[in-house]
């Protein structure tokens, strides 16, 4: 079931952009005390988390191809995968906290603060996952093809003296 794997590079931009921009909107909303910014931030967070689910699912499929067909080392793949899954779970926690904040009465400020903290943490983790994913492409040629043929990753080549 590899049908999502080719779409992974496109899908990942949804959570990266929306979770990060949503966090910025949340900070603007809190700084200006304008509800519109915070409502937009919550909507961006929800869609970003849905995109993160699709990114993780497609990444699972892309991981198999990168590791077994393209020879990408397991450790950097696992590092990318771990940070992406952590970003997803933190993002889900942020959605739950934000949704619960309006129903918590006197604890609203605390729950809202937890939601903000989780949203910011999700934004940081999705950025880390994106950085690690970029390293997979630019350092290990994950998913790279030349003339329709996959580039096979191998051990780093040493530069010879005098050449």
C-alpha atoms as a PDB file:
ATOM      1  CA  UNK A   1       0.000   0.000   0.000  1.00  0.00           C
ATOM      2  CA  UNK A   2       2.406   2.652  -1.243  1.00  0.00           C
ATOM      3  CA  UNK A   3      -0.025   4.944  -3.016  1.00  0.00           C
ATOM      4  CA  UNK A   4       0.496   7.847  -0.575  1.00  0.00           C
ATOM      5  CA  UNK A   5       4.309   7.727  -0.569  1.00  0.00           C
ATOM      6  CA  UNK A   6       4.835   9.862  -3.693  1.00  0.00           C
ATOM      7  CA  UNK A   7       2.607  12.566  -2.209  1.00  0.00           C
ATOM      8  CA  UNK A   8       4.533  12.832   1.079  1.00  0.00           C
ATOM      9  CA  UNK A   9       6.746  15.749  -0.066  1.00  0.00           C
ATOM     10  CA  UNK A  10       3.652  17.777  -1.005  1.00  0.00           C
ATOM     11  CA  UNK A  11       1.489  16.770   1.965  1.00  0.00           C
ATOM     12  CA  UNK A  12       4.081  17.769   4.582  1.00  0.00           C
ATOM     13  CA  UNK A  13       3.782  21.425   3.664  1.00  0.00           C
ATOM     14  CA  UNK A  14       0.244  21.553   5.090  1.00  0.00           C
ATOM     15  CA  UNK A  15       1.149  20.935   8.751  1.00  0.00           C
ATOM     16  CA  UNK A  16       4.409  22.859   8.504  1.00  0.00           C
ATOM     17  CA  UNK A  17       2.736  25.983   7.188  1.00  0.00           C
ATOM     18  CA  UNK A  18      -0.578  25.861   9.030  1.00  0.00           C
ATOM     19  CA  UNK A  19       0.625  24.871  12.489  1.00  0.00           C
ATOM     20  CA  UNK A  20       3.402  27.483  12.415  1.00  0.00           C
ATOM     21  CA  UNK A  21       1.220  30.262  10.965  1.00  0.00           C
ATOM     22  CA  UNK A  22      -1.551  29.279  13.386  1.00  0.00           C
ATOM     23  CA  UNK A  23       0.850  29.744  16.298  1.00  0.00           C
ATOM     24  CA  UNK A  24       1.775  33.199  14.997  1.00  0.00           C
ATOM     25  CA  UNK A  25      -1.935  34.065  14.673  1.00  0.00           C
ATOM     26  CA  UNK A  26      -2.490  32.862  18.246  1.00  0.00           C
ATOM     27  CA  UNK A  27       0.271  35.123  19.547  1.00  0.00           C
ATOM     28  CA  UNK A  28      -1.110  38.097  17.570  1.00  0.00           C
ATOM     29  CA  UNK A  29      -4.594  37.359  18.910  1.00  0.00           C
ATOM     30  CA  UNK A  30      -3.367  37.302  22.470  1.00  0.00           C
ATOM     31  CA  UNK A  31      -1.258  40.441  22.019  1.00  0.00           C
ATOM     32  CA  UNK A  32      -4.078  42.431  20.406  1.00  0.00           C
ATOM     33  CA  UNK A  33      -6.941  40.794  22.324  1.00  0.00           C
ATOM     34  CA  UNK A  34      -8.797  40.326  19.033  1.00  0.00           C
ATOM     35  CA  UNK A  35     -10.917  37.171  18.898  1.00  0.00           C
ATOM     36  CA  UNK A  36     -10.690  36.888  15.096  1.00  0.00           C
ATOM     37  CA  UNK A  37      -6.963  36.096  15.204  1.00  0.00           C
ATOM     38  CA  UNK A  38      -7.461  33.414  17.854  1.00  0.00           C
ATOM     39  CA  UNK A  39     -10.382  31.836  15.995  1.00  0.00           C
ATOM     40  CA  UNK A  40      -8.329  31.773  12.806  1.00  0.00           C
ATOM     41  CA  UNK A  41      -5.411  30.290  14.778  1.00  0.00           C
ATOM     42  CA  UNK A  42      -7.635  27.490  16.052  1.00  0.00           C
ATOM     43  CA  UNK A  43      -8.927  26.751  12.542  1.00  0.00           C
ATOM     44  CA  UNK A  44      -5.360  26.683  11.186  1.00  0.00           C
ATOM     45  CA  UNK A  45      -4.308  24.381  14.021  1.00  0.00           C
ATOM     46  CA  UNK A  46      -7.144  21.934  13.307  1.00  0.00           C
ATOM     47  CA  UNK A  47      -6.431  21.774   9.568  1.00  0.00           C
ATOM     48  CA  UNK A  48      -2.687  21.605  10.290  1.00  0.00           C
ATOM     49  CA  UNK A  49      -3.181  18.609  12.604  1.00  0.00           C
ATOM     50  CA  UNK A  50      -5.341  16.887   9.981  1.00  0.00           C
ATOM     51  CA  UNK A  51      -2.524  17.525   7.508  1.00  0.00           C
ATOM     52  CA  UNK A  52      -0.056  16.108  10.028  1.00  0.00           C
ATOM     53  CA  UNK A  53      -2.073  12.892  10.164  1.00  0.00           C
ATOM     54  CA  UNK A  54      -1.860  12.616   6.369  1.00  0.00           C
ATOM     55  CA  UNK A  55       1.850  13.477   6.466  1.00  0.00           C
ATOM     56  CA  UNK A  56       2.608  10.769   9.032  1.00  0.00           C
ATOM     57  CA  UNK A  57       0.589   8.169   7.104  1.00  0.00           C
ATOM     58  CA  UNK A  58       2.268   9.022   3.809  1.00  0.00           C
ATOM     59  CA  UNK A  59       5.635   9.218   5.553  1.00  0.00           C
ATOM     60  CA  UNK A  60       5.267   5.665   6.850  1.00  0.00           C
ATOM     61  CA  UNK A  61       4.963   4.495   3.253  1.00  0.00           C
ATOM     62  CA  UNK A  62       7.756   6.773   1.994  1.00  0.00           C
ATOM     63  CA  UNK A  63      10.023   5.506   4.777  1.00  0.00           C
ATOM     64  CA  UNK A  64       9.836   1.937   3.532  1.00  0.00           C
ATOM     65  CA  UNK A  65      10.778   2.995   0.014  1.00  0.00           C
ATOM     66  CA  UNK A  66      13.606   5.296   1.138  1.00  0.00           C
ATOM     67  CA  UNK A  67      15.140   2.727   3.449  1.00  0.00           C
ATOM     68  CA  UNK A  68      14.728  -0.467   1.442  1.00  0.00           C
ATOM     69  CA  UNK A  69      14.931   0.728  -2.165  1.00  0.00           C
ATOM     70  CA  UNK A  70      17.074   3.862  -1.955  1.00  0.00           C
ATOM     71  CA  UNK A  71      19.454   2.767   0.795  1.00  0.00           C
ATOM     72  CA  UNK A  72      18.805   5.705   3.111  1.00  0.00           C
ATOM     73  CA  UNK A  73      20.203   4.936   6.609  1.00  0.00           C
ATOM     74  CA  UNK A  74      17.659   4.019   9.265  1.00  0.00           C
ATOM     75  CA  UNK A  75      18.808   6.466  11.987  1.00  0.00           C
ATOM     76  CA  UNK A  76      18.026   9.745  10.184  1.00  0.00           C
ATOM     77  CA  UNK A  77      14.704   8.310   8.993  1.00  0.00           C
ATOM     78  CA  UNK A  78      13.791   7.316  12.554  1.00  0.00           C
ATOM     79  CA  UNK A  79      14.818  10.746  13.851  1.00  0.00           C
ATOM     80  CA  UNK A  80      12.573  12.443  11.283  1.00  0.00           C
ATOM     81  CA  UNK A  81       9.720  10.050  11.997  1.00  0.00           C
ATOM     82  CA  UNK A  82       9.967  10.484  15.770  1.00  0.00           C
ATOM     83  CA  UNK A  83       9.879  14.287  15.591  1.00  0.00           C
ATOM     84  CA  UNK A  84       6.961  14.203  13.120  1.00  0.00           C
ATOM     85  CA  UNK A  85       4.913  11.877  15.319  1.00  0.00           C
ATOM     86  CA  UNK A  86       5.703  13.949  18.396  1.00  0.00           C
ATOM     87  CA  UNK A  87       4.584  17.090  16.553  1.00  0.00           C
ATOM     88  CA  UNK A  88       1.328  15.324  15.647  1.00  0.00           C
ATOM     89  CA  UNK A  89       0.602  14.200  19.206  1.00  0.00           C
ATOM     90  CA  UNK A  90       1.433  17.602  20.668  1.00  0.00           C
ATOM     91  CA  UNK A  91      -0.788  19.195  18.000  1.00  0.00           C
ATOM     92  CA  UNK A  92      -3.663  16.891  18.942  1.00  0.00           C
ATOM     93  CA  UNK A  93      -3.145  17.877  22.569  1.00  0.00           C
ATOM     94  CA  UNK A  94      -3.270  21.555  21.584  1.00  0.00           C
ATOM     95  CA  UNK A  95      -6.564  21.039  19.712  1.00  0.00           C
ATOM     96  CA  UNK A  96      -8.079  19.232  22.711  1.00  0.00           C
ATOM     97  CA  UNK A  97      -6.901  21.925  25.140  1.00  0.00           C
ATOM     98  CA  UNK A  98      -8.180  24.742  22.937  1.00  0.00           C
ATOM     99  CA  UNK A  99     -11.549  23.010  22.495  1.00  0.00           C
ATOM    100  CA  UNK A 100     -11.823  22.369  26.238  1.00  0.00           C
ATOM    101  CA  UNK A 101     -10.788  25.891  27.280  1.00  0.00           C
ATOM    102  CA  UNK A 102     -14.218  27.347  26.568  1.00  0.00           C
ATOM    103  CA  UNK A 103     -15.918  24.727  28.723  1.00  0.00           C
ATOM    104  CA  UNK A 104     -13.708  24.822  31.815  1.00  0.00           C
ATOM    105  CA  UNK A 105     -15.192  27.796  33.654  1.00  0.00           C
ATOM    106  CA  UNK A 106     -12.784  29.226  36.203  1.00  0.00           C
ATOM    107  CA  UNK A 107      -9.906  27.114  34.851  1.00  0.00           C
ATOM    108  CA  UNK A 108     -10.279  28.621  31.381  1.00  0.00           C
ATOM    109  CA  UNK A 109      -7.121  30.740  31.656  1.00  0.00           C
ATOM    110  CA  UNK A 110      -5.027  27.768  32.752  1.00  0.00           C
ATOM    111  CA  UNK A 111      -6.384  25.427  30.061  1.00  0.00           C
ATOM    112  CA  UNK A 112      -6.022  28.149  27.438  1.00  0.00           C
ATOM    113  CA  UNK A 113      -2.407  28.660  28.512  1.00  0.00           C
ATOM    114  CA  UNK A 114      -1.786  24.933  28.224  1.00  0.00           C
ATOM    115  CA  UNK A 115      -3.310  25.048  24.733  1.00  0.00           C
ATOM    116  CA  UNK A 116      -1.023  27.926  23.748  1.00  0.00           C
ATOM    117  CA  UNK A 117       2.037  26.140  25.136  1.00  0.00           C
ATOM    118  CA  UNK A 118       1.145  22.958  23.263  1.00  0.00           C
ATOM    119  CA  UNK A 119       0.491  24.888  20.036  1.00  0.00           C
ATOM    120  CA  UNK A 120       3.882  26.583  20.264  1.00  0.00           C
ATOM    121  CA  UNK A 121       5.550  23.242  21.060  1.00  0.00           C
ATOM    122  CA  UNK A 122       3.826  21.648  18.051  1.00  0.00           C
ATOM    123  CA  UNK A 123       5.093  24.495  15.852  1.00  0.00           C
ATOM    124  CA  UNK A 124       8.652  23.940  17.075  1.00  0.00           C
ATOM    125  CA  UNK A 125       8.428  20.156  16.636  1.00  0.00           C
ATOM    126  CA  UNK A 126       6.949  20.408  13.144  1.00  0.00           C
ATOM    127  CA  UNK A 127       9.849  22.720  12.262  1.00  0.00           C
ATOM    128  CA  UNK A 128      12.335  20.177  13.601  1.00  0.00           C
ATOM    129  CA  UNK A 129      10.620  17.399  11.646  1.00  0.00           C
ATOM    130  CA  UNK A 130      10.748  19.527   8.493  1.00  0.00           C
ATOM    131  CA  UNK A 131      14.458  20.229   8.991  1.00  0.00           C
ATOM    132  CA  UNK A 132      15.178  16.542   9.459  1.00  0.00           C
ATOM    133  CA  UNK A 133      13.086  15.677   6.402  1.00  0.00           C
ATOM    134  CA  UNK A 134      15.066  18.163   4.347  1.00  0.00           C
ATOM    135  CA  UNK A 135      18.277  16.525   5.523  1.00  0.00           C
ATOM    136  CA  UNK A 136      16.938  13.182   4.291  1.00  0.00           C
ATOM    137  CA  UNK A 137      16.572  14.645   0.815  1.00  0.00           C
ATOM    138  CA  UNK A 138      19.680  16.822   0.644  1.00  0.00           C
ATOM    139  CA  UNK A 139      22.113  14.584   2.533  1.00  0.00           C
ATOM    140  CA  UNK A 140      20.784  11.103   1.741  1.00  0.00           C
ATOM    141  CA  UNK A 141      18.941  11.632  -1.581  1.00  0.00           C
ATOM    142  CA  UNK A 142      15.688  10.215  -0.186  1.00  0.00           C
ATOM    143  CA  UNK A 143      13.188  10.140  -3.028  1.00  0.00           C
ATOM    144  CA  UNK A 144      15.579  11.726  -5.505  1.00  0.00           C
ATOM    145  CA  UNK A 145      15.546  10.454  -9.071  1.00  0.00           C
ATOM    146  CA  UNK A 146      17.859  11.275 -11.974  1.00  0.00           C
ATOM    147  CA  UNK A 147      16.572  10.456 -15.452  1.00  0.00           C
ATOM    148  CA  UNK A 148      13.762   8.467 -13.852  1.00  0.00           C
ATOM    149  CA  UNK A 149      16.140   6.276 -11.843  1.00  0.00           C
ATOM    150  CA  UNK A 150      16.315   6.511  -8.022  1.00  0.00           C
ATOM    151  CA  UNK A 151      19.558   7.782  -6.573  1.00  0.00           C
ATOM    152  CA  UNK A 152      20.885   5.149  -4.190  1.00  0.00           C
ATOM    153  CA  UNK A 153      22.261   6.579  -0.973  1.00  0.00           C
ATOM    154  CA  UNK A 154      25.537   5.208   0.273  1.00  0.00           C
ATOM    155  CA  UNK A 155      28.247   5.947   2.769  1.00  0.00           C
ATOM    156  CA  UNK A 156      29.798   9.412   2.493  1.00  0.00           C
ATOM    157  CA  UNK A 157      32.717   9.537   0.095  1.00  0.00           C
ATOM    158  CA  UNK A 158      36.053  10.766   1.357  1.00  0.00           C
ATOM    159  CA  UNK A 159      37.823  13.429  -0.690  1.00  0.00           C
ATOM    160  CA  UNK A 160      41.170  12.235  -1.926  1.00  0.00           C
ATOM    161  CA  UNK A 161      44.234  14.381  -1.233  1.00  0.00           C
ATOM    162  CA  UNK A 162      45.594  16.225  -4.260  1.00  0.00           C
ATOM    163  CA  UNK A 163      42.555  15.858  -6.492  1.00  0.00           C
END
